[in-house]
Amino acid sequence: MIKFRCSALRSAAALLSPVTPAAQNKTSPLCFPLQHCLRFSSAPQQEHSTFYEFRTYSIHPHLNSAFLQLTNEKIHLRTAHSQLIGYWSIEYGGLNKVFHIWKYDSYSQRAGVRSALSQDPSWLSDYISKAIPMLKSQDNEVTYMLPWSHLQGPPQEGGVYELASYMMHPGGPAVWGDTFQASINSHDAPGYGKLIGAFHNEFGPMNRVHALWWFESADQRAELRHRAHTDPRVVAAVRGSVVHLDSQENKLMFPLPFSPLK
């Protein structure tokens, strides 16, 4: 979601065509009122620098169990460097994959963490050197919490999580943000799932948003989804949002024993 800063645009305008005092009140393509500048912004400005890195690893099928066991035993070497939010094994929507979320206060903090890991002999010898050959691929995205969402814990341990990922039409939250929020709230408020957090991408596929949900079980999720389809509030909200939707992908995930969210 590209954002233009008015100060930068006005500085560029001054360099290209200096504005005389007499012309200051005139509008040109590069010198315009602040309210016109605001139209270039496709989303609300971030209020803080905290972001969440989404990581998805694809594991060689015959090594899936060995990877999960190794990670369970050695994850403390990684969490010594930065905060793990959750770590899941994907059960439906992608086999032999794990998904995990890491929290960072800034990009400089993440860079420092990566630098420290590259020099941590225990991490390198006891985990990375063994884990990397087990992986087929790695994928990451940088996400921010949507302004109206807050990261929450589940009401109890022992449930399952669903990651619903939506590819929206270009334009950003200024175009589809309100209808997407209404669609999510139409499920969350009546209890058709427990919303853990809603995120939007900064790096990775653009115009992509995610909703992380918790359910008591996969069967409860199926029951609640069936009930939601008959709720006119949900139907109306989804119809308002789906006009902005390109595609959707869902994963049902089980938290691993060491996951903070479980």
C-alpha atoms as a PDB file:
ATOM      1  CA  MET A   1       0.000   0.000   0.000  1.00  0.00           C
ATOM      2  CA  ILE A   2       1.930   2.956  -1.346  1.00  0.00           C
ATOM      3  CA  LYS A   3       1.747   6.176   0.604  1.00  0.00           C
ATOM      4  CA  PHE A   4       2.992   9.534  -0.665  1.00  0.00           C
ATOM      5  CA  ARG A   5       4.148  12.214   1.721  1.00  0.00           C
ATOM      6  CA  CYS A   6       2.919  15.720   0.922  1.00  0.00           C
ATOM      7  CA  SER A   7       6.136  17.319   2.137  1.00  0.00           C
ATOM      8  CA  ALA A   8       8.158  15.285  -0.349  1.00  0.00           C
ATOM      9  CA  LEU A   9       5.824  16.178  -3.210  1.00  0.00           C
ATOM     10  CA  ARG A  10       5.920  19.857  -2.373  1.00  0.00           C
ATOM     11  CA  SER A  11       9.699  19.810  -2.091  1.00  0.00           C
ATOM     12  CA  ALA A  12       9.915  18.230  -5.530  1.00  0.00           C
ATOM     13  CA  ALA A  13       7.548  20.860  -6.892  1.00  0.00           C
ATOM     14  CA  ALA A  14       9.706  23.649  -5.493  1.00  0.00           C
ATOM     15  CA  LEU A  15      12.811  22.233  -7.176  1.00  0.00           C
ATOM     16  CA  LEU A  16      11.098  21.819 -10.533  1.00  0.00           C
ATOM     17  CA  SER A  17       9.248  25.115 -10.549  1.00  0.00           C
ATOM     18  CA  PRO A  18       9.905  27.595  -7.739  1.00  0.00           C
ATOM     19  CA  VAL A  19       6.736  29.234  -6.504  1.00  0.00           C
ATOM     20  CA  THR A  20       6.748  32.988  -6.122  1.00  0.00           C
ATOM     21  CA  PRO A  21       4.827  34.639  -3.272  1.00  0.00           C
ATOM     22  CA  ALA A  22       2.251  35.889  -5.740  1.00  0.00           C
ATOM     23  CA  ALA A  23       1.633  32.401  -7.025  1.00  0.00           C
ATOM     24  CA  GLN A  24       1.430  30.670  -3.673  1.00  0.00           C
ATOM     25  CA  ASN A  25      -2.366  30.698  -3.658  1.00  0.00           C
ATOM     26  CA  LYS A  26      -2.639  29.158  -7.110  1.00  0.00           C
ATOM     27  CA  THR A  27      -3.077  25.449  -7.657  1.00  0.00           C
ATOM     28  CA  SER A  28      -0.875  23.525 -10.074  1.00  0.00           C
ATOM     29  CA  PRO A  29      -0.341  19.792 -10.726  1.00  0.00           C
ATOM     30  CA  LEU A  30       2.567  19.788  -8.280  1.00  0.00           C
ATOM     31  CA  CYS A  31       1.441  22.445  -5.826  1.00  0.00           C
ATOM     32  CA  PHE A  32      -1.953  21.752  -4.332  1.00  0.00           C
ATOM     33  CA  PRO A  33      -3.828  22.045  -1.049  1.00  0.00           C
ATOM     34  CA  LEU A  34      -3.198  19.524   1.712  1.00  0.00           C
ATOM     35  CA  GLN A  35      -6.621  17.966   1.324  1.00  0.00           C
ATOM     36  CA  HIS A  36      -5.702  17.014  -2.242  1.00  0.00           C
ATOM     37  CA  CYS A  37      -2.496  15.439  -0.950  1.00  0.00           C
ATOM     38  CA  LEU A  38      -4.483  13.217   1.336  1.00  0.00           C
ATOM     39  CA  ARG A  39      -6.093  11.528  -1.626  1.00  0.00           C
ATOM     40  CA  PHE A  40      -2.772   9.890  -2.472  1.00  0.00           C
ATOM     41  CA  SER A  41      -2.861   7.901   0.782  1.00  0.00           C
ATOM     42  CA  SER A  42      -4.524   4.515   0.319  1.00  0.00           C
ATOM     43  CA  ALA A  43      -4.629   3.611   4.013  1.00  0.00           C
ATOM     44  CA  PRO A  44      -4.515   5.098   7.502  1.00  0.00           C
ATOM     45  CA  GLN A  45      -0.988   5.913   8.624  1.00  0.00           C
ATOM     46  CA  GLN A  46       0.601   3.412  11.003  1.00  0.00           C
ATOM     47  CA  GLU A  47       0.433   4.707  14.558  1.00  0.00           C
ATOM     48  CA  HIS A  48       3.434   2.662  15.688  1.00  0.00           C
ATOM     49  CA  SER A  49       6.308   0.668  14.231  1.00  0.00           C
ATOM     50  CA  THR A  50       5.353  -2.762  15.623  1.00  0.00           C
ATOM     51  CA  PHE A  51       4.929  -5.382  12.923  1.00  0.00           C
ATOM     52  CA  TYR A  52       4.391  -9.124  12.674  1.00  0.00           C
ATOM     53  CA  GLU A  53       6.381 -11.404  10.423  1.00  0.00           C
ATOM     54  CA  PHE A  54       4.411 -14.327   8.999  1.00  0.00           C
ATOM     55  CA  ARG A  55       6.572 -17.319   8.086  1.00  0.00           C
ATOM     56  CA  THR A  56       5.451 -20.438   6.247  1.00  0.00           C
ATOM     57  CA  TYR A  57       7.821 -23.387   5.826  1.00  0.00           C
ATOM     58  CA  SER A  58       7.172 -26.310   3.498  1.00  0.00           C
ATOM     59  CA  ILE A  59       8.766 -29.520   4.774  1.00  0.00           C
ATOM     60  CA  HIS A  60       9.813 -32.640   2.883  1.00  0.00           C
ATOM     61  CA  PRO A  61       6.965 -35.083   3.632  1.00  0.00           C
ATOM     62  CA  HIS A  62       9.170 -37.882   4.940  1.00  0.00           C
ATOM     63  CA  LEU A  63      10.917 -35.439   7.303  1.00  0.00           C
ATOM     64  CA  ASN A  64       7.860 -33.657   8.696  1.00  0.00           C
ATOM     65  CA  SER A  65       7.827 -35.505  12.024  1.00  0.00           C
ATOM     66  CA  ALA A  66      11.580 -35.079  12.476  1.00  0.00           C
ATOM     67  CA  PHE A  67      11.326 -31.333  11.805  1.00  0.00           C
ATOM     68  CA  LEU A  68       8.512 -30.878  14.324  1.00  0.00           C
ATOM     69  CA  GLN A  69      10.429 -32.834  16.962  1.00  0.00           C
ATOM     70  CA  LEU A  70      13.640 -30.885  16.361  1.00  0.00           C
ATOM     71  CA  THR A  71      11.797 -27.551  16.515  1.00  0.00           C
ATOM     72  CA  ASN A  72      10.003 -28.562  19.693  1.00  0.00           C
ATOM     73  CA  GLU A  73      13.349 -29.373  21.337  1.00  0.00           C
ATOM     74  CA  LYS A  74      15.345 -26.379  20.086  1.00  0.00           C
ATOM     75  CA  ILE A  75      12.884 -23.501  19.653  1.00  0.00           C
ATOM     76  CA  HIS A  76      14.192 -21.943  22.883  1.00  0.00           C
ATOM     77  CA  LEU A  77      17.372 -21.066  20.986  1.00  0.00           C
ATOM     78  CA  ARG A  78      15.260 -18.900  18.676  1.00  0.00           C
ATOM     79  CA  THR A  79      12.878 -17.382  21.214  1.00  0.00           C
ATOM     80  CA  ALA A  80      15.896 -16.181  23.208  1.00  0.00           C
ATOM     81  CA  HIS A  81      16.307 -13.531  20.507  1.00  0.00           C
ATOM     82  CA  SER A  82      12.763 -12.271  19.784  1.00  0.00           C
ATOM     83  CA  GLN A  83       9.109 -12.816  20.631  1.00  0.00           C
ATOM     84  CA  LEU A  84       7.211 -15.728  19.148  1.00  0.00           C
ATOM     85  CA  ILE A  85       3.453 -15.139  18.918  1.00  0.00           C
ATOM     86  CA  GLY A  86       2.377 -18.537  17.657  1.00  0.00           C
ATOM     87  CA  TYR A  87       3.588 -21.643  15.858  1.00  0.00           C
ATOM     88  CA  TRP A  88       1.234 -24.057  14.093  1.00  0.00           C
ATOM     89  CA  SER A  89       1.213 -27.178  11.966  1.00  0.00           C
ATOM     90  CA  ILE A  90      -1.114 -26.801   8.986  1.00  0.00           C
ATOM     91  CA  GLU A  91      -3.659 -29.638   8.884  1.00  0.00           C
ATOM     92  CA  TYR A  92      -6.068 -28.513   6.155  1.00  0.00           C
ATOM     93  CA  GLY A  93      -5.174 -26.184   3.290  1.00  0.00           C
ATOM     94  CA  GLY A  94      -1.545 -27.276   2.949  1.00  0.00           C
ATOM     95  CA  LEU A  95       0.106 -30.496   4.073  1.00  0.00           C
ATOM     96  CA  ASN A  96       3.608 -30.784   5.552  1.00  0.00           C
ATOM     97  CA  LYS A  97       3.752 -27.072   6.339  1.00  0.00           C
ATOM     98  CA  VAL A  98       4.197 -24.973   9.457  1.00  0.00           C
ATOM     99  CA  PHE A  99       3.138 -21.370  10.002  1.00  0.00           C
ATOM    100  CA  HIS A 100       4.560 -19.059  12.659  1.00  0.00           C
ATOM    101  CA  ILE A 101       4.287 -15.391  13.668  1.00  0.00           C
ATOM    102  CA  TRP A 102       7.072 -13.270  15.145  1.00  0.00           C
ATOM    103  CA  LYS A 103       6.676  -9.806  16.644  1.00  0.00           C
ATOM    104  CA  TYR A 104       9.156  -6.956  16.134  1.00  0.00           C
ATOM    105  CA  ASP A 105       9.146  -3.393  17.418  1.00  0.00           C
ATOM    106  CA  SER A 106      11.002  -2.055  14.376  1.00  0.00           C
ATOM    107  CA  TYR A 107      12.922  -3.096  11.280  1.00  0.00           C
ATOM    108  CA  SER A 108      16.165  -2.239  13.024  1.00  0.00           C
ATOM    109  CA  GLN A 109      15.266  -4.624  15.841  1.00  0.00           C
ATOM    110  CA  ARG A 110      14.604  -7.405  13.336  1.00  0.00           C
ATOM    111  CA  ALA A 111      17.920  -6.694  11.595  1.00  0.00           C
ATOM    112  CA  GLY A 112      19.677  -6.937  14.957  1.00  0.00           C
ATOM    113  CA  VAL A 113      17.961 -10.231  15.716  1.00  0.00           C
ATOM    114  CA  ARG A 114      18.951 -11.698  12.356  1.00  0.00           C
ATOM    115  CA  SER A 115      22.533 -10.552  12.880  1.00  0.00           C
ATOM    116  CA  ALA A 116      22.673 -12.079  16.352  1.00  0.00           C
ATOM    117  CA  LEU A 117      21.245 -15.379  15.099  1.00  0.00           C
ATOM    118  CA  SER A 118      23.884 -15.583  12.382  1.00  0.00           C
ATOM    119  CA  GLN A 119      26.525 -15.456  15.113  1.00  0.00           C
ATOM    120  CA  ASP A 120      24.846 -17.765  17.638  1.00  0.00           C
ATOM    121  CA  PRO A 121      26.843 -21.032  17.555  1.00  0.00           C
ATOM    122  CA  SER A 122      24.152 -23.064  19.349  1.00  0.00           C
ATOM    123  CA  TRP A 123      21.427 -21.894  16.964  1.00  0.00           C
ATOM    124  CA  LEU A 124      23.579 -22.631  13.930  1.00  0.00           C
ATOM    125  CA  SER A 125      24.899 -26.034  14.985  1.00  0.00           C
ATOM    126  CA  ASP A 126      21.997 -27.436  17.003  1.00  0.00           C
ATOM    127  CA  TYR A 127      19.097 -26.239  14.858  1.00  0.00           C
ATOM    128  CA  ILE A 128      19.703 -24.479  11.533  1.00  0.00           C
ATOM    129  CA  SER A 129      22.263 -26.934  10.175  1.00  0.00           C
ATOM    130  CA  LYS A 130      19.802 -29.773  10.865  1.00  0.00           C
ATOM    131  CA  ALA A 131      16.537 -28.022   9.967  1.00  0.00           C
ATOM    132  CA  ILE A 132      17.432 -26.460   6.610  1.00  0.00           C
ATOM    133  CA  PRO A 133      17.898 -29.807   4.783  1.00  0.00           C
ATOM    134  CA  MET A 134      14.408 -30.790   5.945  1.00  0.00           C
ATOM    135  CA  LEU A 135      12.767 -27.808   4.230  1.00  0.00           C
ATOM    136  CA  LYS A 136      11.524 -27.543   0.663  1.00  0.00           C
ATOM    137  CA  SER A 137      10.844 -23.803   0.822  1.00  0.00           C
ATOM    138  CA  GLN A 138      10.427 -20.794   3.107  1.00  0.00           C
ATOM    139  CA  ASP A 139       8.103 -17.840   2.656  1.00  0.00           C
ATOM    140  CA  ASN A 140       7.675 -14.697   4.721  1.00  0.00           C
ATOM    141  CA  GLU A 141       5.410 -11.652   4.823  1.00  0.00           C
ATOM    142  CA  VAL A 142       5.561  -8.496   6.901  1.00  0.00           C
ATOM    143  CA  THR A 143       2.169  -7.508   8.281  1.00  0.00           C
ATOM    144  CA  TYR A 144       0.667  -4.813  10.494  1.00  0.00           C
ATOM    145  CA  MET A 145      -2.395  -5.085  12.655  1.00  0.00           C
ATOM    146  CA  LEU A 146      -5.355  -3.371  11.053  1.00  0.00           C
ATOM    147  CA  PRO A 147      -6.127  -0.166  13.024  1.00  0.00           C
ATOM    148  CA  TRP A 148      -9.391  -1.536  14.420  1.00  0.00           C
ATOM    149  CA  SER A 149      -7.924  -4.894  15.481  1.00  0.00           C
ATOM    150  CA  HIS A 150      -5.907  -5.924  18.532  1.00  0.00           C
ATOM    151  CA  LEU A 151      -4.014  -9.157  19.100  1.00  0.00           C
ATOM    152  CA  GLN A 152      -5.962 -11.307  21.555  1.00  0.00           C
ATOM    153  CA  GLY A 153      -5.529 -14.677  23.192  1.00  0.00           C
ATOM    154  CA  PRO A 154      -7.986 -17.573  22.872  1.00  0.00           C
ATOM    155  CA  PRO A 155     -10.621 -18.073  25.579  1.00  0.00           C
ATOM    156  CA  GLN A 156      -9.051 -21.433  26.437  1.00  0.00           C
ATOM    157  CA  GLU A 157      -6.258 -23.761  25.345  1.00  0.00           C
ATOM    158  CA  GLY A 158      -6.689 -26.816  23.184  1.00  0.00           C
ATOM    159  CA  GLY A 159      -8.524 -25.431  20.162  1.00  0.00           C
ATOM    160  CA  VAL A 160      -7.718 -25.027  16.479  1.00  0.00           C
ATOM    161  CA  TYR A 161      -6.872 -21.923  14.474  1.00  0.00           C
ATOM    162  CA  GLU A 162      -7.954 -20.794  11.034  1.00  0.00           C
ATOM    163  CA  LEU A 163      -5.918 -18.372   8.960  1.00  0.00           C
ATOM    164  CA  ALA A 164      -8.156 -16.792   6.329  1.00  0.00           C
ATOM    165  CA  SER A 165      -6.161 -14.817   3.752  1.00  0.00           C
ATOM    166  CA  TYR A 166      -7.846 -12.462   1.289  1.00  0.00           C
ATOM    167  CA  MET A 167      -6.416 -10.913  -1.864  1.00  0.00           C
ATOM    168  CA  MET A 168      -8.307  -7.665  -2.360  1.00  0.00           C
ATOM    169  CA  HIS A 169      -8.587  -5.447  -5.425  1.00  0.00           C
ATOM    170  CA  PRO A 170      -5.857  -2.758  -5.606  1.00  0.00           C
ATOM    171  CA  GLY A 171      -6.662   0.459  -3.813  1.00  0.00           C
ATOM    172  CA  GLY A 172      -6.022  -0.399  -0.188  1.00  0.00           C
ATOM    173  CA  PRO A 173      -8.196   0.016   2.906  1.00  0.00           C
ATOM    174  CA  ALA A 174      -9.382   3.415   1.695  1.00  0.00           C
ATOM    175  CA  VAL A 175     -11.379   1.467  -0.894  1.00  0.00           C
ATOM    176  CA  TRP A 176     -12.329  -1.791   0.850  1.00  0.00           C
ATOM    177  CA  GLY A 177     -11.384  -1.295   4.501  1.00  0.00           C
ATOM    178  CA  ASP A 178     -14.845  -0.485   5.871  1.00  0.00           C
ATOM    179  CA  THR A 179     -16.602  -3.349   4.122  1.00  0.00           C
ATOM    180  CA  PHE A 180     -13.869  -5.816   5.115  1.00  0.00           C
ATOM    181  CA  GLN A 181     -14.154  -4.723   8.761  1.00  0.00           C
ATOM    182  CA  ALA A 182     -17.929  -5.092   8.607  1.00  0.00           C
ATOM    183  CA  SER A 183     -17.572  -8.611   7.189  1.00  0.00           C
ATOM    184  CA  ILE A 184     -15.135  -9.661   9.924  1.00  0.00           C
ATOM    185  CA  ASN A 185     -17.241  -8.097  12.676  1.00  0.00           C
ATOM    186  CA  SER A 186     -20.369  -9.833  11.392  1.00  0.00           C
ATOM    187  CA  HIS A 187     -18.670 -13.146  12.226  1.00  0.00           C
ATOM    188  CA  ASP A 188     -16.832 -12.092  15.382  1.00  0.00           C
ATOM    189  CA  ALA A 189     -19.561 -10.200  17.247  1.00  0.00           C
ATOM    190  CA  PRO A 190     -22.238 -12.964  17.181  1.00  0.00           C
ATOM    191  CA  GLY A 191     -19.670 -15.614  18.098  1.00  0.00           C
ATOM    192  CA  TYR A 192     -19.210 -17.406  14.775  1.00  0.00           C
ATOM    193  CA  GLY A 193     -15.533 -17.600  15.693  1.00  0.00           C
ATOM    194  CA  LYS A 194     -13.093 -15.874  18.030  1.00  0.00           C
ATOM    195  CA  LEU A 195     -11.029 -13.294  16.177  1.00  0.00           C
ATOM    196  CA  ILE A 196      -7.411 -13.375  17.365  1.00  0.00           C
ATOM    197  CA  GLY A 197      -6.227 -10.616  15.036  1.00  0.00           C
ATOM    198  CA  ALA A 198      -6.621  -9.013  11.609  1.00  0.00           C
ATOM    199  CA  PHE A 199      -3.530  -8.023   9.627  1.00  0.00           C
ATOM    200  CA  HIS A 200      -2.603  -6.349   6.348  1.00  0.00           C
ATOM    201  CA  ASN A 201       0.529  -6.946   4.295  1.00  0.00           C
ATOM    202  CA  GLU A 202       3.349  -4.454   3.971  1.00  0.00           C
ATOM    203  CA  PHE A 203       5.792  -6.837   2.255  1.00  0.00           C
ATOM    204  CA  GLY A 204       4.760  -9.903   0.306  1.00  0.00           C
ATOM    205  CA  PRO A 205       1.618  -9.973  -1.856  1.00  0.00           C
ATOM    206  CA  MET A 206       0.152  -6.479  -1.765  1.00  0.00           C
ATOM    207  CA  ASN A 207      -3.518  -5.759  -1.020  1.00  0.00           C
ATOM    208  CA  ARG A 208      -3.577  -8.921   1.065  1.00  0.00           C
ATOM    209  CA  VAL A 209      -5.279  -9.116   4.456  1.00  0.00           C
ATOM    210  CA  HIS A 210      -5.461 -11.938   6.977  1.00  0.00           C
ATOM    211  CA  ALA A 211      -7.884 -12.868   9.734  1.00  0.00           C
ATOM    212  CA  LEU A 212      -6.677 -15.305  12.409  1.00  0.00           C
ATOM    213  CA  TRP A 213      -9.527 -17.152  14.129  1.00  0.00           C
ATOM    214  CA  TRP A 214      -9.809 -19.605  17.026  1.00  0.00           C
ATOM    215  CA  PHE A 215     -12.326 -22.427  17.404  1.00  0.00           C
ATOM    216  CA  GLU A 216     -12.818 -25.119  20.017  1.00  0.00           C
ATOM    217  CA  SER A 217     -12.447 -27.799  17.338  1.00  0.00           C
ATOM    218  CA  ALA A 218     -12.671 -28.373  13.598  1.00  0.00           C
ATOM    219  CA  ASP A 219     -16.200 -29.701  14.076  1.00  0.00           C
ATOM    220  CA  GLN A 220     -17.251 -26.558  15.959  1.00  0.00           C
ATOM    221  CA  ARG A 221     -15.824 -24.460  13.149  1.00  0.00           C
ATOM    222  CA  ALA A 222     -17.907 -26.403  10.604  1.00  0.00           C
ATOM    223  CA  GLU A 223     -21.060 -25.990  12.708  1.00  0.00           C
ATOM    224  CA  LEU A 224     -20.547 -22.257  13.232  1.00  0.00           C
ATOM    225  CA  ARG A 225     -19.803 -21.693   9.561  1.00  0.00           C
ATOM    226  CA  HIS A 226     -23.042 -23.421   8.610  1.00  0.00           C
ATOM    227  CA  ARG A 227     -24.982 -21.239  11.040  1.00  0.00           C
ATOM    228  CA  ALA A 228     -23.279 -18.073   9.787  1.00  0.00           C
ATOM    229  CA  HIS A 229     -24.419 -18.814   6.238  1.00  0.00           C
ATOM    230  CA  THR A 230     -28.030 -18.522   7.395  1.00  0.00           C
ATOM    231  CA  ASP A 231     -27.543 -15.267   9.335  1.00  0.00           C
ATOM    232  CA  PRO A 232     -28.810 -12.300   7.257  1.00  0.00           C
ATOM    233  CA  ARG A 233     -26.338  -9.970   9.004  1.00  0.00           C
ATOM    234  CA  VAL A 234     -23.424 -12.084   7.809  1.00  0.00           C
ATOM    235  CA  VAL A 235     -24.856 -12.517   4.323  1.00  0.00           C
ATOM    236  CA  ALA A 236     -25.314  -8.762   3.896  1.00  0.00           C
ATOM    237  CA  ALA A 237     -21.841  -7.913   5.224  1.00  0.00           C
ATOM    238  CA  VAL A 238     -20.116 -10.526   3.058  1.00  0.00           C
ATOM    239  CA  ARG A 239     -21.962  -9.333  -0.042  1.00  0.00           C
ATOM    240  CA  GLY A 240     -20.703  -5.827   0.633  1.00  0.00           C
ATOM    241  CA  SER A 241     -17.096  -6.998   0.954  1.00  0.00           C
ATOM    242  CA  VAL A 242     -16.870  -9.682  -1.711  1.00  0.00           C
ATOM    243  CA  VAL A 243     -17.136  -7.135  -4.547  1.00  0.00           C
ATOM    244  CA  HIS A 244     -13.590  -6.055  -3.610  1.00  0.00           C
ATOM    245  CA  LEU A 245     -12.228  -9.611  -3.385  1.00  0.00           C
ATOM    246  CA  ASP A 246      -9.939 -11.275  -5.932  1.00  0.00           C
ATOM    247  CA  SER A 247      -9.299 -14.565  -4.115  1.00  0.00           C
ATOM    248  CA  GLN A 248      -9.333 -16.223  -0.708  1.00  0.00           C
ATOM    249  CA  GLU A 249      -7.280 -18.993   0.914  1.00  0.00           C
ATOM    250  CA  ASN A 250      -8.013 -20.723   4.228  1.00  0.00           C
ATOM    251  CA  LYS A 251      -5.828 -22.924   6.409  1.00  0.00           C
ATOM    252  CA  LEU A 252      -6.864 -24.853   9.509  1.00  0.00           C
ATOM    253  CA  MET A 253      -3.938 -25.207  11.902  1.00  0.00           C
ATOM    254  CA  PHE A 254      -3.067 -26.982  15.121  1.00  0.00           C
ATOM    255  CA  PRO A 255      -0.817 -25.149  17.606  1.00  0.00           C
ATOM    256  CA  LEU A 256       2.404 -26.931  18.469  1.00  0.00           C
ATOM    257  CA  PRO A 257       3.164 -27.641  22.167  1.00  0.00           C
ATOM    258  CA  PHE A 258       5.596 -24.717  22.481  1.00  0.00           C
ATOM    259  CA  SER A 259       3.329 -22.167  20.759  1.00  0.00           C
ATOM    260  CA  PRO A 260       2.413 -19.200  23.000  1.00  0.00           C
ATOM    261  CA  LEU A 261      -0.973 -19.170  21.270  1.00  0.00           C
ATOM    262  CA  LYS A 262      -2.395 -22.628  21.845  1.00  0.00           C
END
